[in-house]
Amino acid sequence: MAIERERRPKHQGFFRKEKTVRTRPIAGVGRRTDVTAMPKTGPIRIFLDDEREMPEGFVIARTIEEFQRLLDDVDPARLRTVCLDWHLGGKSDGFDAVSMLIARIEKDPAAFVDLRSVWMHSQDIEKAAKMSRTMARWLHAPERKDLFDETHVIVDPYTPSFDL
């Protein structure tokens, strides 16, 4: 395994020290992998992005398949924040993730009452805004308004630095 210096966007952590990240080849291509353990207790925050560094306190998903596995494994009552990127560098995009999250919540909306925020982030802010409108329209529909009154849908071109 090789150890490389991670390249960070200029807008993130200007004064923070760079961290080393282990890399391993995936399907013939060298790629950064982040391994985080799922917290045994407390709230869970999921961060879906194929490139950006995972914010502290989040569990990372680099692909739509990893995001789906996390949704399968996580107790919905512990899910507090979901942060979705539009551009995932493959066949899937953030709209697939929004559809997947909505389908999961539709199965048992009452189980997701602690979901406090859904972040949409992308360098293409128009795509992130479109994702957020889809999510907000669904969460705040009249039949679900009482369940998701406190759930915020946020559009941000960068990654979240705090949790609502």
Foldseek 3Di string as FASTA:
>chain_A
DDKDWADADCVPDVPDDTDIFDWDDDPNHIATDDDDDADPDAAAEEEEDQRHDDAPRYGYDLDLVSVLVCLVPDQLLRYAEYEAEADSPDPHGRLVVLVSVLVSCVVPVLRNLNHQEYEYEALPQVSSVVSLVVNCCSCCPPVNVVSCVRYYYYYDNDDDPDGD
